[in-house]
Amino acid sequence: MNKLRDRIRKATSVAPAPLGFGAQSRKKESSLLLLARGEKYSAVAQYIDGFMATSAKSKPGKEVTDRLVAGTTIDDGRDAVRAAAAAGYDFVVVSEDAPASALLEEDVAYLMPAPVDASDALLRALEPMALDGLLVAPKASITVREQLELVRLAAFARKPLFVSLDSVPESADIEVLREVGTVALLLDASRPAADFEALRRLIDELPARRRSRERDSIAATIPSSAPASDDEHDHDHDD
């Protein structure tokens, strides 16, 4: 499995309640990924899960990609994606103006900046596309209105959110971002290492993900338009 997709799966899984005396010693899987934006991430490598380079010209190196998820931005089509994958990148960031052929490589994960002022219909059209996440950049302090917009993006597109940050947010805002569908936080690699250390600590201290009551209730609901069973018709005749 692609490394980014595997990390997303692990980050979004709802862990069962621990049982027994030895359960607490089990390593807790982080519920959010922390990515550095830019190539110069070596000073913060101990705090991050991966990085997003601004160009595919540099190769990340096997010693890096063995531990970190590596991504880069491309402007061209399928050949550029193949070249990025051959260089060791796990995911690429494509714009909506990139050639459609760029999305044809199944072994590469794809991110795209969320379309600005996208309608609900356009967001729904993103669902079947080969995108593994949407890049967004909300304001530092999340208001209810901004939260609703993030929920709309994640719900209609049915894609996880990768949130680009300018600074280290409060713990409560990080939890809000996670609850609306965020799977990764991105911070510029030029930020002080102390910022990455603080953000790593805040992520690791988050409470476990809560199971979605809406998802559980939908799964257990039978559509009202479902045809009546033969048994129901038999009971009608008995009356």
C-alpha atoms as a PDB file:
ATOM      1  CA  MET A   1       0.000   0.000   0.000  1.00  0.00           C
ATOM      2  CA  ASN A   2       1.105   3.566  -0.680  1.00  0.00           C
ATOM      3  CA  LYS A   3       2.788   4.980   2.441  1.00  0.00           C
ATOM      4  CA  LEU A   4       0.616   8.101   2.691  1.00  0.00           C
ATOM      5  CA  ARG A   5      -2.589   6.101   2.255  1.00  0.00           C
ATOM      6  CA  ASP A   6      -1.431   3.691   4.940  1.00  0.00           C
ATOM      7  CA  ARG A   7      -0.668   6.568   7.335  1.00  0.00           C
ATOM      8  CA  ILE A   8      -4.093   8.104   6.652  1.00  0.00           C
ATOM      9  CA  ARG A   9      -5.779   4.775   7.369  1.00  0.00           C
ATOM     10  CA  LYS A  10      -3.950   4.399  10.674  1.00  0.00           C
ATOM     11  CA  ALA A  11      -4.531   8.010  11.724  1.00  0.00           C
ATOM     12  CA  THR A  12      -8.272   7.874  11.076  1.00  0.00           C
ATOM     13  CA  SER A  13      -8.948   4.468  12.612  1.00  0.00           C
ATOM     14  CA  VAL A  14     -10.914   4.422  15.859  1.00  0.00           C
ATOM     15  CA  ALA A  15      -8.987   2.255  18.303  1.00  0.00           C
ATOM     16  CA  PRO A  16     -10.998  -0.144  20.507  1.00  0.00           C
ATOM     17  CA  ALA A  17     -11.073   0.498  24.231  1.00  0.00           C
ATOM     18  CA  PRO A  18      -7.967  -0.954  25.935  1.00  0.00           C
ATOM     19  CA  LEU A  19      -8.489  -4.210  27.818  1.00  0.00           C
ATOM     20  CA  GLY A  20      -6.285  -5.835  30.440  1.00  0.00           C
ATOM     21  CA  PHE A  21      -3.323  -4.608  32.431  1.00  0.00           C
ATOM     22  CA  GLY A  22      -0.899  -4.629  29.498  1.00  0.00           C
ATOM     23  CA  ALA A  23      -3.089  -2.571  27.180  1.00  0.00           C
ATOM     24  CA  GLN A  24      -1.818   0.815  28.368  1.00  0.00           C
ATOM     25  CA  SER A  25       1.764  -0.013  27.365  1.00  0.00           C
ATOM     26  CA  ARG A  26       0.742  -0.368  23.715  1.00  0.00           C
ATOM     27  CA  LYS A  27       2.097   2.407  21.448  1.00  0.00           C
ATOM     28  CA  LYS A  28      -0.569   4.972  20.656  1.00  0.00           C
ATOM     29  CA  GLU A  29      -0.959   5.714  16.952  1.00  0.00           C
ATOM     30  CA  SER A  30      -1.000   9.449  16.230  1.00  0.00           C
ATOM     31  CA  SER A  31      -4.428  10.627  15.063  1.00  0.00           C
ATOM     32  CA  LEU A  32      -2.968  13.466  12.964  1.00  0.00           C
ATOM     33  CA  LEU A  33       0.060  13.571  10.692  1.00  0.00           C
ATOM     34  CA  LEU A  34       2.566  16.415  10.948  1.00  0.00           C
ATOM     35  CA  LEU A  35       4.205  17.422   7.665  1.00  0.00           C
ATOM     36  CA  ALA A  36       6.874  20.037   6.951  1.00  0.00           C
ATOM     37  CA  ARG A  37       6.459  22.249   3.875  1.00  0.00           C
ATOM     38  CA  GLY A  38       9.757  22.619   2.034  1.00  0.00           C
ATOM     39  CA  GLU A  39      12.994  20.750   1.396  1.00  0.00           C
ATOM     40  CA  LYS A  40      15.019  21.980   4.407  1.00  0.00           C
ATOM     41  CA  TYR A  41      13.362  19.825   7.041  1.00  0.00           C
ATOM     42  CA  SER A  42      16.406  18.092   8.543  1.00  0.00           C
ATOM     43  CA  ALA A  43      16.356  20.271  11.683  1.00  0.00           C
ATOM     44  CA  VAL A  44      12.789  19.172  12.465  1.00  0.00           C
ATOM     45  CA  ALA A  45      12.916  15.599  11.119  1.00  0.00           C
ATOM     46  CA  GLN A  46      12.548  14.094  14.593  1.00  0.00           C
ATOM     47  CA  TYR A  47       9.133  15.733  15.038  1.00  0.00           C
ATOM     48  CA  ILE A  48       7.487  15.154  11.661  1.00  0.00           C
ATOM     49  CA  ASP A  49       5.787  12.272   9.865  1.00  0.00           C
ATOM     50  CA  GLY A  50       6.690  13.562   6.419  1.00  0.00           C
ATOM     51  CA  PHE A  51       7.391  16.565   4.231  1.00  0.00           C
ATOM     52  CA  MET A  52       6.059  18.256   1.105  1.00  0.00           C
ATOM     53  CA  ALA A  53       8.790  19.584  -1.183  1.00  0.00           C
ATOM     54  CA  THR A  54       8.089  22.521  -3.465  1.00  0.00           C
ATOM     55  CA  SER A  55       9.921  20.918  -6.385  1.00  0.00           C
ATOM     56  CA  ALA A  56      10.504  17.367  -7.589  1.00  0.00           C
ATOM     57  CA  LYS A  57      14.036  18.185  -8.789  1.00  0.00           C
ATOM     58  CA  SER A  58      15.651  16.982  -5.552  1.00  0.00           C
ATOM     59  CA  LYS A  59      15.531  13.319  -4.541  1.00  0.00           C
ATOM     60  CA  PRO A  60      14.593  12.628  -0.904  1.00  0.00           C
ATOM     61  CA  GLY A  61      16.912   9.630  -0.481  1.00  0.00           C
ATOM     62  CA  LYS A  62      16.084   6.149   0.811  1.00  0.00           C
ATOM     63  CA  GLU A  63      17.260   6.864   4.368  1.00  0.00           C
ATOM     64  CA  VAL A  64      14.600   9.597   4.504  1.00  0.00           C
ATOM     65  CA  THR A  65      11.729   7.821   2.781  1.00  0.00           C
ATOM     66  CA  ASP A  66      12.154   4.704   4.919  1.00  0.00           C
ATOM     67  CA  ARG A  67      10.717   6.700   7.834  1.00  0.00           C
ATOM     68  CA  LEU A  68       9.044   9.798   6.406  1.00  0.00           C
ATOM     69  CA  VAL A  69       6.212  10.238   3.929  1.00  0.00           C
ATOM     70  CA  ALA A  70       7.626  12.263   1.035  1.00  0.00           C
ATOM     71  CA  GLY A  71       5.608  14.500  -1.258  1.00  0.00           C
ATOM     72  CA  THR A  72       6.222  17.141  -3.890  1.00  0.00           C
ATOM     73  CA  THR A  73       4.413  19.595  -6.136  1.00  0.00           C
ATOM     74  CA  ILE A  74       4.192  19.025  -9.888  1.00  0.00           C
ATOM     75  CA  ASP A  75       2.822  21.101 -12.755  1.00  0.00           C
ATOM     76  CA  ASP A  76       2.949  18.566 -15.591  1.00  0.00           C
ATOM     77  CA  GLY A  77       1.158  15.349 -16.487  1.00  0.00           C
ATOM     78  CA  ARG A  78       1.644  11.623 -16.095  1.00  0.00           C
ATOM     79  CA  ASP A  79       5.348  11.553 -16.970  1.00  0.00           C
ATOM     80  CA  ALA A  80       6.094  14.051 -14.190  1.00  0.00           C
ATOM     81  CA  VAL A  81       4.197  11.896 -11.693  1.00  0.00           C
ATOM     82  CA  ARG A  82       6.129   8.810 -12.781  1.00  0.00           C
ATOM     83  CA  ALA A  83       9.403  10.719 -12.403  1.00  0.00           C
ATOM     84  CA  ALA A  84       8.414  11.850  -8.896  1.00  0.00           C
ATOM     85  CA  ALA A  85       7.534   8.282  -7.906  1.00  0.00           C
ATOM     86  CA  ALA A  86      10.836   7.008  -9.312  1.00  0.00           C
ATOM     87  CA  ALA A  87      12.649   9.647  -7.244  1.00  0.00           C
ATOM     88  CA  GLY A  88      11.069   8.251  -4.076  1.00  0.00           C
ATOM     89  CA  TYR A  89       8.041  10.476  -3.540  1.00  0.00           C
ATOM     90  CA  ASP A  90       4.906   8.887  -2.070  1.00  0.00           C
ATOM     91  CA  PHE A  91       2.476  11.640  -3.049  1.00  0.00           C
ATOM     92  CA  VAL A  92       2.224  14.608  -5.386  1.00  0.00           C
ATOM     93  CA  VAL A  93       0.282  17.850  -5.183  1.00  0.00           C
ATOM     94  CA  VAL A  94      -1.518  18.770  -8.399  1.00  0.00           C
ATOM     95  CA  SER A  95      -3.516  21.870  -9.226  1.00  0.00           C
ATOM     96  CA  GLU A  96      -6.915  21.833 -10.907  1.00  0.00           C
ATOM     97  CA  ASP A  97      -5.168  23.190 -14.021  1.00  0.00           C
ATOM     98  CA  ALA A  98      -2.774  20.224 -14.263  1.00  0.00           C
ATOM     99  CA  PRO A  99      -3.241  17.785 -17.172  1.00  0.00           C
ATOM    100  CA  ALA A 100      -5.869  15.182 -16.287  1.00  0.00           C
ATOM    101  CA  SER A 101      -3.376  12.453 -17.215  1.00  0.00           C
ATOM    102  CA  ALA A 102      -1.476  13.305 -14.028  1.00  0.00           C
ATOM    103  CA  LEU A 103      -4.073  11.375 -12.014  1.00  0.00           C
ATOM    104  CA  LEU A 104      -3.609   8.052 -13.810  1.00  0.00           C
ATOM    105  CA  GLU A 105      -0.826   6.553 -11.651  1.00  0.00           C
ATOM    106  CA  GLU A 106      -2.467   4.225  -9.103  1.00  0.00           C
ATOM    107  CA  ASP A 107       0.597   3.732  -6.877  1.00  0.00           C
ATOM    108  CA  VAL A 108       0.969   7.449  -6.145  1.00  0.00           C
ATOM    109  CA  ALA A 109      -1.227   9.373  -3.699  1.00  0.00           C
ATOM    110  CA  TYR A 110      -2.651  12.708  -4.831  1.00  0.00           C
ATOM    111  CA  LEU A 111      -3.450  15.958  -3.048  1.00  0.00           C
ATOM    112  CA  MET A 112      -5.092  19.015  -4.571  1.00  0.00           C
ATOM    113  CA  PRO A 113      -5.757  22.490  -3.176  1.00  0.00           C
ATOM    114  CA  ALA A 114      -9.463  22.786  -2.420  1.00  0.00           C
ATOM    115  CA  PRO A 115     -11.185  24.788  -5.183  1.00  0.00           C
ATOM    116  CA  VAL A 116     -11.899  28.361  -4.051  1.00  0.00           C
ATOM    117  CA  ASP A 117     -15.609  29.126  -3.592  1.00  0.00           C
ATOM    118  CA  ALA A 118     -16.528  25.689  -4.910  1.00  0.00           C
ATOM    119  CA  SER A 119     -20.218  24.877  -5.169  1.00  0.00           C
ATOM    120  CA  ASP A 120     -21.693  21.811  -3.495  1.00  0.00           C
ATOM    121  CA  ALA A 121     -22.089  20.201  -6.928  1.00  0.00           C
ATOM    122  CA  LEU A 122     -18.408  20.721  -7.775  1.00  0.00           C
ATOM    123  CA  LEU A 123     -17.328  19.266  -4.434  1.00  0.00           C
ATOM    124  CA  ARG A 124     -19.528  16.207  -5.039  1.00  0.00           C
ATOM    125  CA  ALA A 125     -17.811  15.757  -8.398  1.00  0.00           C
ATOM    126  CA  LEU A 126     -14.487  15.372  -6.574  1.00  0.00           C
ATOM    127  CA  GLU A 127     -15.621  12.209  -4.756  1.00  0.00           C
ATOM    128  CA  PRO A 128     -14.933   9.655  -7.538  1.00  0.00           C
ATOM    129  CA  MET A 129     -11.662  11.325  -8.548  1.00  0.00           C
ATOM    130  CA  ALA A 130      -8.297   9.786  -7.667  1.00  0.00           C
ATOM    131  CA  LEU A 131      -7.592  12.308  -4.910  1.00  0.00           C
ATOM    132  CA  ASP A 132      -6.456  11.268  -1.446  1.00  0.00           C
ATOM    133  CA  GLY A 133      -6.960  14.638   0.200  1.00  0.00           C
ATOM    134  CA  LEU A 134      -7.638  18.355  -0.181  1.00  0.00           C
ATOM    135  CA  LEU A 135      -5.240  21.105   0.887  1.00  0.00           C
ATOM    136  CA  VAL A 136      -6.848  23.963   2.819  1.00  0.00           C
ATOM    137  CA  ALA A 137      -5.517  26.995   4.697  1.00  0.00           C
ATOM    138  CA  PRO A 138      -8.032  28.224   7.295  1.00  0.00           C
ATOM    139  CA  LYS A 139      -7.390  31.161   9.615  1.00  0.00           C
ATOM    140  CA  ALA A 140      -5.387  30.627  12.791  1.00  0.00           C
ATOM    141  CA  SER A 141      -8.422  30.706  15.087  1.00  0.00           C
ATOM    142  CA  ILE A 142     -11.320  28.575  13.842  1.00  0.00           C
ATOM    143  CA  THR A 143     -14.760  30.209  14.071  1.00  0.00           C
ATOM    144  CA  VAL A 144     -18.022  28.294  13.840  1.00  0.00           C
ATOM    145  CA  ARG A 145     -18.545  29.680  10.330  1.00  0.00           C
ATOM    146  CA  GLU A 146     -15.113  28.465   9.217  1.00  0.00           C
ATOM    147  CA  GLN A 147     -15.773  25.124  10.861  1.00  0.00           C
ATOM    148  CA  LEU A 148     -18.976  24.785   8.837  1.00  0.00           C
ATOM    149  CA  GLU A 149     -17.079  25.497   5.610  1.00  0.00           C
ATOM    150  CA  LEU A 150     -14.469  22.846   6.429  1.00  0.00           C
ATOM    151  CA  VAL A 151     -17.234  20.355   7.227  1.00  0.00           C
ATOM    152  CA  ARG A 152     -18.861  21.192   3.871  1.00  0.00           C
ATOM    153  CA  LEU A 153     -15.599  20.561   2.020  1.00  0.00           C
ATOM    154  CA  ALA A 154     -14.940  17.223   3.688  1.00  0.00           C
ATOM    155  CA  ALA A 155     -18.555  16.035   3.582  1.00  0.00           C
ATOM    156  CA  PHE A 156     -19.405  16.806  -0.052  1.00  0.00           C
ATOM    157  CA  ALA A 157     -16.020  15.858  -1.519  1.00  0.00           C
ATOM    158  CA  ARG A 158     -15.638  12.917   0.893  1.00  0.00           C
ATOM    159  CA  LYS A 159     -11.898  13.591   1.060  1.00  0.00           C
ATOM    160  CA  PRO A 160      -9.705  14.083   4.141  1.00  0.00           C
ATOM    161  CA  LEU A 161      -8.288  17.559   4.723  1.00  0.00           C
ATOM    162  CA  PHE A 162      -4.609  18.545   4.847  1.00  0.00           C
ATOM    163  CA  VAL A 163      -4.496  21.848   6.719  1.00  0.00           C
ATOM    164  CA  SER A 164      -1.686  24.315   6.032  1.00  0.00           C
ATOM    165  CA  LEU A 165      -0.753  26.402   9.097  1.00  0.00           C
ATOM    166  CA  ASP A 166       1.136  29.680   9.531  1.00  0.00           C
ATOM    167  CA  SER A 167       1.696  29.209  13.267  1.00  0.00           C
ATOM    168  CA  VAL A 168       1.100  26.731  16.074  1.00  0.00           C
ATOM    169  CA  PRO A 169      -2.627  26.757  16.958  1.00  0.00           C
ATOM    170  CA  GLU A 170      -4.220  26.162  20.329  1.00  0.00           C
ATOM    171  CA  SER A 171      -4.885  22.566  21.358  1.00  0.00           C
ATOM    172  CA  ALA A 172      -8.660  23.111  21.140  1.00  0.00           C
ATOM    173  CA  ASP A 173      -8.383  24.370  17.555  1.00  0.00           C
ATOM    174  CA  ILE A 174      -6.329  21.307  16.604  1.00  0.00           C
ATOM    175  CA  GLU A 175      -9.028  19.061  18.037  1.00  0.00           C
ATOM    176  CA  VAL A 176     -11.692  20.989  16.096  1.00  0.00           C
ATOM    177  CA  LEU A 177      -9.697  20.566  12.885  1.00  0.00           C
ATOM    178  CA  ARG A 178      -9.429  16.843  13.482  1.00  0.00           C
ATOM    179  CA  GLU A 179     -13.154  16.487  14.163  1.00  0.00           C
ATOM    180  CA  VAL A 180     -14.112  18.159  10.860  1.00  0.00           C
ATOM    181  CA  GLY A 181     -12.074  15.676   8.811  1.00  0.00           C
ATOM    182  CA  THR A 182      -8.445  16.803   9.009  1.00  0.00           C
ATOM    183  CA  VAL A 183      -5.797  14.066   8.823  1.00  0.00           C
ATOM    184  CA  ALA A 184      -2.628  16.159   8.528  1.00  0.00           C
ATOM    185  CA  LEU A 185      -1.215  19.515   9.610  1.00  0.00           C
ATOM    186  CA  LEU A 186       1.442  21.247   7.509  1.00  0.00           C
ATOM    187  CA  LEU A 187       3.910  23.802   8.879  1.00  0.00           C
ATOM    188  CA  ASP A 188       6.607  25.602   6.917  1.00  0.00           C
ATOM    189  CA  ALA A 189       9.995  23.950   7.358  1.00  0.00           C
ATOM    190  CA  SER A 190      11.571  27.362   7.965  1.00  0.00           C
ATOM    191  CA  ARG A 191       9.711  27.700  11.266  1.00  0.00           C
ATOM    192  CA  PRO A 192      11.774  27.221  14.452  1.00  0.00           C
ATOM    193  CA  ALA A 193      12.249  23.631  15.599  1.00  0.00           C
ATOM    194  CA  ALA A 194      10.506  24.643  18.834  1.00  0.00           C
ATOM    195  CA  ASP A 195       7.280  25.193  16.863  1.00  0.00           C
ATOM    196  CA  PHE A 196       7.426  21.670  15.445  1.00  0.00           C
ATOM    197  CA  GLU A 197       8.217  20.252  18.867  1.00  0.00           C
ATOM    198  CA  ALA A 198       5.232  22.092  20.376  1.00  0.00           C
ATOM    199  CA  LEU A 199       2.887  21.017  17.586  1.00  0.00           C
ATOM    200  CA  ARG A 200       4.077  17.409  17.849  1.00  0.00           C
ATOM    201  CA  ARG A 201       3.364  17.439  21.569  1.00  0.00           C
ATOM    202  CA  LEU A 202      -0.116  18.932  21.083  1.00  0.00           C
ATOM    203  CA  ILE A 203      -0.958  16.282  18.475  1.00  0.00           C
ATOM    204  CA  ASP A 204       0.284  13.443  20.661  1.00  0.00           C
ATOM    205  CA  GLU A 205      -1.713  14.735  23.641  1.00  0.00           C
ATOM    206  CA  LEU A 206      -5.024  14.794  21.747  1.00  0.00           C
ATOM    207  CA  PRO A 207      -7.720  12.483  23.110  1.00  0.00           C
ATOM    208  CA  ALA A 208      -8.572   9.446  21.020  1.00  0.00           C
ATOM    209  CA  ARG A 209     -10.806   9.930  18.002  1.00  0.00           C
ATOM    210  CA  ARG A 210     -14.494   9.656  18.754  1.00  0.00           C
ATOM    211  CA  ARG A 211     -16.619   7.276  16.739  1.00  0.00           C
ATOM    212  CA  SER A 212     -19.008   9.185  14.513  1.00  0.00           C
ATOM    213  CA  ARG A 213     -22.572   8.738  15.746  1.00  0.00           C
ATOM    214  CA  GLU A 214     -23.893   9.926  12.402  1.00  0.00           C
ATOM    215  CA  ARG A 215     -21.903   7.262  10.516  1.00  0.00           C
ATOM    216  CA  ASP A 216     -23.069   4.515  12.864  1.00  0.00           C
ATOM    217  CA  SER A 217     -26.714   5.575  12.620  1.00  0.00           C
ATOM    218  CA  ILE A 218     -26.614   5.765   8.824  1.00  0.00           C
ATOM    219  CA  ALA A 219     -25.146   2.280   8.597  1.00  0.00           C
ATOM    220  CA  ALA A 220     -27.955   0.911  10.740  1.00  0.00           C
ATOM    221  CA  THR A 221     -30.777   2.668   8.871  1.00  0.00           C
ATOM    222  CA  ILE A 222     -32.916   0.883   6.269  1.00  0.00           C
ATOM    223  CA  PRO A 223     -34.016   3.245   3.455  1.00  0.00           C
ATOM    224  CA  SER A 224     -37.706   4.102   3.696  1.00  0.00           C
ATOM    225  CA  SER A 225     -38.062   3.515  -0.044  1.00  0.00           C
ATOM    226  CA  ALA A 226     -37.067  -0.149   0.293  1.00  0.00           C
ATOM    227  CA  PRO A 227     -39.778  -2.506  -1.047  1.00  0.00           C
ATOM    228  CA  ALA A 228     -41.849  -4.377   1.493  1.00  0.00           C
ATOM    229  CA  SER A 229     -40.844  -7.973   2.149  1.00  0.00           C
ATOM    230  CA  ASP A 230     -43.060 -10.974   1.317  1.00  0.00           C
ATOM    231  CA  ASP A 231     -43.686 -11.515   5.031  1.00  0.00           C
ATOM    232  CA  GLU A 232     -45.135  -8.015   5.333  1.00  0.00           C
ATOM    233  CA  HIS A 233     -47.526  -8.693   2.418  1.00  0.00           C
ATOM    234  CA  ASP A 234     -48.576 -11.983   4.026  1.00  0.00           C
ATOM    235  CA  HIS A 235     -49.456 -10.198   7.251  1.00  0.00           C
ATOM    236  CA  ASP A 236     -51.539  -7.698   5.279  1.00  0.00           C
ATOM    237  CA  HIS A 237     -53.564 -10.566   3.763  1.00  0.00           C
ATOM    238  CA  ASP A 238     -54.034 -12.126   7.198  1.00  0.00           C
ATOM    239  CA  ASP A 239     -55.738  -8.957   8.379  1.00  0.00           C
END
